[in-house]
Amino acid sequence: MARLSNLLAFSGILGELVGCNGPSGFYIRSRPKRSAKAPSPKQQDARSRLATVMRFLKPLKEIIYMGFAQAHPSRSKTTAMNAAASHMLNYAVEGEFPDITINPAAVRLSRGSLAPLPDIAYEQVGSSVAITWSPLMPRFSGHSDDTVMAICYNLQEQSITVAEALRSDGLVTLDLFEFPLLSSSLIYVCVCDRDRKQFSSSQFVGEIER
């Protein structure tokens, strides 16, 4: 759908034309046409990799919007998601089409210079997961009142739950009661300052079953 900007300009698709607003002003280009050729194996592999990454990241988008914003000058949601997807494509995607998988330990939900959590571990009892770390204050780039965000990503429901604590607490607990039995979940943590502007790079804690 096209949107009229003024009497001489529009943005969006109008028939076989596309109106765009770029750095140098308004311009028009032809609407791209779909190729009748079947995609090559290389194209299939690239498209499948990107689709797999975007499906994985979609439930995590609100976390990513925060976690990657400070690391990029524009701080836009699109830039943040592109950065997370680019990292996954380069480091977390394994195999080849049609057997493409994600290595969850290589996924990053936030990026930044804030100190990560040392000596991180977890213990599961029933539907409760206790995540612990050393509460000792880092020498650089960290404060006792930094917020620790524990993110549980249920793979079956494609949904997340988040629990928070302070860095000085050394403990945060996740309750997975609402997730289906016999389903798998990925646990990540990231740290942000009191204003939620500075972040650490996220850490993968482990994969658990409910």
Protein backbone atom coordinates (compact mmCIF):
# COMPACT_ATOMS: atom_id res chain seq x y z
CA MET A 1 0.00 0.00 0.00
CA ALA A 2 1.32 3.46 -0.93
CA ARG A 3 1.17 6.47 1.38
CA LEU A 4 0.94 9.94 -0.14
CA SER A 5 3.67 12.20 1.26
CA ASN A 6 2.69 15.25 -0.80
CA LEU A 7 1.22 15.87 -4.22
CA LEU A 8 4.38 14.71 -5.98
CA ALA A 9 5.77 12.01 -3.68
CA PHE A 10 4.58 8.78 -2.07
CA SER A 11 6.11 5.94 -0.09
CA GLY A 12 5.28 2.28 -0.59
CA ILE A 13 4.02 0.25 -3.56
CA LEU A 14 1.84 1.84 -6.25
CA GLY A 15 1.14 -0.52 -9.12
CA GLU A 16 4.51 -1.47 -10.60
CA LEU A 17 6.31 1.39 -8.86
CA VAL A 18 7.85 1.76 -5.41
CA GLY A 19 8.22 5.19 -3.82
CA CYS A 20 11.13 5.63 -1.40
CA ASN A 21 12.45 8.38 0.84
CA GLY A 22 16.25 8.14 1.00
CA PRO A 23 19.09 10.30 2.31
CA SER A 24 19.05 12.33 -0.93
CA GLY A 25 15.27 12.77 -1.00
CA PHE A 26 12.36 11.09 -2.75
CA TYR A 27 12.92 8.65 -5.62
CA ILE A 28 10.97 5.99 -7.55
CA ARG A 29 12.13 2.53 -8.62
CA SER A 30 10.47 -0.39 -10.36
CA ARG A 31 8.76 -2.98 -8.23
CA PRO A 32 11.01 -6.07 -8.07
CA LYS A 33 9.65 -9.11 -9.89
CA ARG A 34 9.76 -12.63 -8.55
CA SER A 35 12.06 -14.93 -10.44
CA ALA A 36 10.50 -17.89 -12.21
CA LYS A 37 13.68 -19.89 -11.68
CA ALA A 38 13.86 -22.43 -8.86
CA PRO A 39 16.30 -21.34 -6.12
CA SER A 40 19.76 -22.86 -6.28
CA PRO A 41 20.97 -25.10 -3.42
CA LYS A 42 23.06 -22.19 -2.16
CA GLN A 43 20.03 -19.88 -2.19
CA GLN A 44 17.90 -22.50 -0.43
CA ASP A 45 20.53 -22.87 2.25
CA ALA A 46 20.85 -19.10 2.80
CA ARG A 47 17.07 -18.59 2.94
CA SER A 48 16.57 -21.50 5.30
CA ARG A 49 19.31 -20.23 7.62
CA LEU A 50 17.78 -16.77 7.80
CA ALA A 51 14.25 -18.13 8.31
CA THR A 52 15.48 -20.42 11.11
CA VAL A 53 17.23 -17.53 12.83
CA MET A 54 14.26 -15.17 12.61
CA ARG A 55 11.86 -17.83 13.95
CA PHE A 56 14.17 -18.41 16.88
CA LEU A 57 14.57 -14.71 17.70
CA LYS A 58 10.94 -13.61 17.28
CA PRO A 59 9.79 -14.49 20.85
CA LEU A 60 12.92 -12.77 22.20
CA LYS A 61 12.54 -9.50 20.31
CA GLU A 62 11.69 -7.29 23.30
CA ILE A 63 14.82 -8.50 25.10
CA ILE A 64 16.92 -7.94 21.99
CA TYR A 65 15.56 -4.43 21.44
CA MET A 66 16.93 -3.50 24.88
CA GLY A 67 20.03 -5.65 24.87
CA PHE A 68 21.49 -4.50 21.55
CA ALA A 69 20.32 -0.87 21.53
CA GLN A 70 23.29 0.63 23.36
CA ALA A 71 25.81 -1.26 21.22
CA HIS A 72 24.65 0.48 18.02
CA PRO A 73 24.52 4.23 17.33
CA SER A 74 21.03 4.29 15.77
CA ARG A 75 19.52 2.35 18.71
CA SER A 76 16.58 1.37 16.50
CA LYS A 77 14.64 -1.85 16.92
CA THR A 78 15.50 -2.90 13.36
CA THR A 79 19.22 -2.35 13.92
CA ALA A 80 19.12 -4.28 17.19
CA MET A 81 17.35 -7.25 15.61
CA ASN A 82 19.69 -7.21 12.61
CA ALA A 83 22.70 -7.29 14.94
CA ALA A 84 21.34 -10.27 16.88
CA ALA A 85 20.45 -12.10 13.65
CA SER A 86 23.87 -11.38 12.14
CA HIS A 87 25.61 -12.80 15.20
CA MET A 88 23.48 -15.96 15.02
CA LEU A 89 24.10 -16.44 11.30
CA ASN A 90 27.85 -16.13 11.82
CA TYR A 91 28.26 -18.14 15.00
CA ALA A 92 25.15 -20.09 16.05
CA VAL A 93 23.79 -21.73 12.89
CA GLU A 94 25.08 -25.23 12.20
CA GLY A 95 24.55 -27.80 9.44
CA GLU A 96 23.31 -27.33 5.89
CA PHE A 97 19.87 -27.23 4.27
CA PRO A 98 17.65 -29.07 5.04
CA ASP A 99 19.35 -30.10 8.31
CA ILE A 100 19.97 -26.69 9.87
CA THR A 101 20.16 -26.39 13.67
CA ILE A 102 20.85 -23.69 16.25
CA ASN A 103 23.63 -23.92 18.83
CA PRO A 104 21.95 -22.15 21.79
CA ALA A 105 25.24 -21.56 23.59
CA ALA A 106 26.37 -19.30 20.73
CA VAL A 107 23.20 -17.17 20.66
CA ARG A 108 23.51 -13.64 22.00
CA LEU A 109 20.53 -11.69 23.37
CA SER A 110 22.48 -8.61 24.46
CA ARG A 111 25.83 -7.03 23.74
CA GLY A 112 27.78 -4.60 25.86
CA SER A 113 30.74 -3.83 28.06
CA LEU A 114 29.06 -4.26 31.45
CA ALA A 115 30.71 -7.00 33.51
CA PRO A 116 29.08 -10.45 33.12
CA LEU A 117 28.25 -12.78 36.03
CA PRO A 118 31.14 -14.90 37.34
CA ASP A 119 30.80 -18.53 38.46
CA ILE A 120 27.27 -18.87 37.10
CA ALA A 121 25.42 -22.15 37.77
CA TYR A 122 21.87 -23.45 38.11
CA GLU A 123 19.88 -26.08 39.99
CA GLN A 124 16.45 -27.37 39.05
CA VAL A 125 13.93 -28.71 41.56
CA GLY A 126 10.62 -29.60 39.94
CA SER A 127 9.38 -26.57 38.04
CA SER A 128 11.70 -24.18 39.88
CA VAL A 129 15.14 -23.23 38.59
CA ALA A 130 17.59 -21.40 40.86
CA ILE A 131 20.41 -19.56 39.07
CA THR A 132 23.40 -18.55 41.19
CA TRP A 133 26.60 -16.55 40.65
CA SER A 134 29.35 -14.94 42.67
CA PRO A 135 28.02 -11.66 44.11
CA LEU A 136 31.51 -10.20 44.48
CA MET A 137 31.69 -6.83 42.77
CA PRO A 138 33.76 -6.64 39.58
CA ARG A 139 36.70 -4.24 39.61
CA PHE A 140 35.50 -2.51 36.47
CA SER A 141 32.18 -1.86 34.74
CA GLY A 142 29.71 -3.19 37.28
CA HIS A 143 27.69 -2.15 40.35
CA SER A 144 25.93 -3.93 43.17
CA ASP A 145 22.54 -2.61 42.02
CA ASP A 146 22.90 -3.83 38.44
CA THR A 147 19.82 -5.80 37.37
CA VAL A 148 20.23 -9.46 36.47
CA MET A 149 17.64 -10.64 33.95
CA ALA A 150 17.11 -14.41 33.80
CA ILE A 151 15.32 -15.42 30.60
CA CYS A 152 13.70 -18.81 30.12
CA TYR A 153 12.83 -19.55 26.47
CA ASN A 154 10.44 -22.50 26.06
CA LEU A 155 11.09 -24.09 22.67
CA GLN A 156 7.76 -25.91 22.42
CA GLU A 157 5.54 -22.89 23.11
CA GLN A 158 7.95 -20.36 21.59
CA SER A 159 7.42 -18.12 24.62
CA ILE A 160 9.56 -16.66 27.38
CA THR A 161 9.39 -15.87 31.07
CA VAL A 162 11.73 -13.42 32.79
CA ALA A 163 12.81 -13.08 36.43
CA GLU A 164 14.98 -10.32 37.87
CA ALA A 165 17.32 -9.81 40.82
CA LEU A 166 20.23 -7.57 41.76
CA ARG A 167 23.84 -8.44 41.03
CA SER A 168 24.54 -8.35 44.78
CA ASP A 169 21.82 -10.98 45.45
CA GLY A 170 23.78 -13.81 43.87
CA LEU A 171 20.51 -15.66 43.18
CA VAL A 172 17.46 -15.45 40.93
CA THR A 173 14.66 -18.03 40.67
CA LEU A 174 12.55 -18.93 37.64
CA ASP A 175 9.20 -20.69 37.95
CA LEU A 176 8.40 -22.85 34.91
CA PHE A 177 5.06 -24.11 36.19
CA GLU A 178 3.10 -22.77 33.18
CA PHE A 179 5.28 -24.48 30.60
CA PRO A 180 4.20 -27.90 29.24
CA LEU A 181 5.56 -31.06 30.82
CA LEU A 182 8.39 -32.77 28.94
CA SER A 183 9.19 -29.56 27.07
CA SER A 184 12.68 -28.06 26.70
CA SER A 185 13.67 -24.56 27.69
CA LEU A 186 16.84 -22.50 27.20
CA ILE A 187 18.10 -20.35 30.06
CA TYR A 188 20.02 -17.12 29.46
CA VAL A 189 21.07 -14.24 31.70
CA CYS A 190 22.12 -10.70 30.95
CA VAL A 191 23.00 -7.78 33.20
CA CYS A 192 21.94 -4.15 32.81
CA ASP A 193 22.55 -1.02 34.85
CA ARG A 194 19.83 0.68 36.90
CA ASP A 195 18.74 2.76 33.87
CA ARG A 196 18.61 -0.26 31.53
CA LYS A 197 20.95 1.50 29.12
CA GLN A 198 24.25 -0.32 29.63
CA PHE A 199 24.22 -4.12 29.16
CA SER A 200 26.57 -7.04 29.47
CA SER A 201 26.85 -9.59 26.71
CA SER A 202 24.32 -12.33 27.47
CA GLN A 203 25.39 -15.66 28.93
CA PHE A 204 23.92 -19.08 28.15
CA VAL A 205 23.18 -20.96 31.37
CA GLY A 206 21.87 -24.26 30.04
CA GLU A 207 19.00 -26.27 28.55
CA ILE A 208 16.47 -27.87 30.89
CA GLU A 209 13.35 -30.03 30.67
CA ARG A 210 10.18 -29.27 32.56
